[in-house]
Amino acid sequence: EEPYTRGVYSTMHRGRLWTMRQYAGMGTAAETNERFQYLIDEGSSGLSMAFDLPTQMGYDSDAAMAEGEV
């Protein structure tokens, strides 16, 4: 159906800037929070949290395959 659009918004990036994201996560929760605050202060408009690999793979933190990774 017309008008054809290239995305979810009719004006796309001409009317709305894309989200600037950084994939981040480190050390303790406090260190990660400090890093996220820094990224937002520097202009990031979204955050992509880096979870530990076992969590990303669907393992429980106490699973044998997760040992040494969490």
Protein backbone atom coordinates (compact mmCIF):
# COMPACT_ATOMS: atom_id res chain seq x y z
CA GLU A 1 0.00 0.00 0.00
CA GLU A 2 1.30 3.46 -0.83
CA PRO A 3 3.16 5.39 0.35
CA TYR A 4 5.93 2.82 0.59
CA THR A 5 8.36 3.34 3.46
CA ARG A 6 11.78 1.94 4.26
CA GLY A 7 11.14 1.28 7.91
CA VAL A 8 8.85 1.53 10.89
CA TYR A 9 8.63 5.35 10.76
CA SER A 10 7.44 7.16 7.65
CA THR A 11 10.30 9.68 7.78
CA MET A 12 12.81 7.26 9.30
CA HIS A 13 16.15 8.93 10.14
CA ARG A 14 15.15 12.25 8.59
CA GLY A 15 12.67 12.75 11.41
CA ARG A 16 14.11 10.60 14.18
CA LEU A 17 17.77 9.78 14.78
CA TRP A 18 18.77 6.19 15.25
CA THR A 19 19.72 4.95 18.71
CA MET A 20 23.43 5.16 19.49
CA ARG A 21 24.26 2.07 21.52
CA GLN A 22 27.38 0.67 23.14
CA TYR A 23 27.63 -3.00 24.07
CA ALA A 24 29.17 -2.85 27.54
CA GLY A 25 29.47 -4.57 30.87
CA MET A 26 32.38 -5.05 33.21
CA GLY A 27 33.47 -6.04 36.70
CA THR A 28 31.05 -5.34 39.48
CA ALA A 29 27.55 -3.91 39.30
CA ALA A 30 28.88 -0.58 40.59
CA GLU A 31 31.59 -0.48 37.88
CA THR A 32 29.05 -1.32 35.19
CA ASN A 33 26.70 1.40 36.46
CA GLU A 34 29.55 3.93 36.42
CA ARG A 35 30.43 2.93 32.84
CA PHE A 36 26.80 3.18 31.69
CA GLN A 37 26.48 6.64 33.27
CA TYR A 38 29.64 7.71 31.44
CA LEU A 39 28.33 6.39 28.09
CA ILE A 40 25.02 8.23 28.52
CA ASP A 41 26.87 11.42 29.50
CA GLU A 42 28.94 11.07 26.31
CA GLY A 43 25.85 10.85 24.10
CA SER A 44 24.73 7.23 23.96
CA SER A 45 20.96 7.10 23.66
CA GLY A 46 20.62 3.42 24.48
CA LEU A 47 22.55 0.68 26.24
CA SER A 48 23.11 -2.95 25.34
CA MET A 49 24.16 -4.86 28.43
CA ALA A 50 26.87 -7.50 28.09
CA PHE A 51 25.82 -10.43 30.28
CA ASP A 52 28.23 -13.21 31.11
CA LEU A 53 28.52 -15.85 28.39
CA PRO A 54 26.76 -18.69 30.28
CA THR A 55 23.72 -16.44 30.78
CA GLN A 56 23.72 -15.62 27.06
CA MET A 57 23.92 -19.34 26.29
CA GLY A 58 21.05 -20.17 28.67
CA TYR A 59 23.06 -21.97 31.35
CA ASP A 60 22.36 -21.59 35.07
CA SER A 61 25.20 -19.86 36.91
CA ASP A 62 25.87 -23.05 38.88
CA ALA A 63 25.94 -25.35 35.82
CA ALA A 64 29.17 -27.27 35.20
CA MET A 65 29.57 -25.61 31.77
CA ALA A 66 29.45 -22.17 33.47
CA GLU A 67 32.31 -22.84 35.89
CA GLY A 68 34.88 -20.05 35.76
CA GLU A 69 32.78 -17.93 33.38
CA VAL A 70 30.38 -16.16 35.75
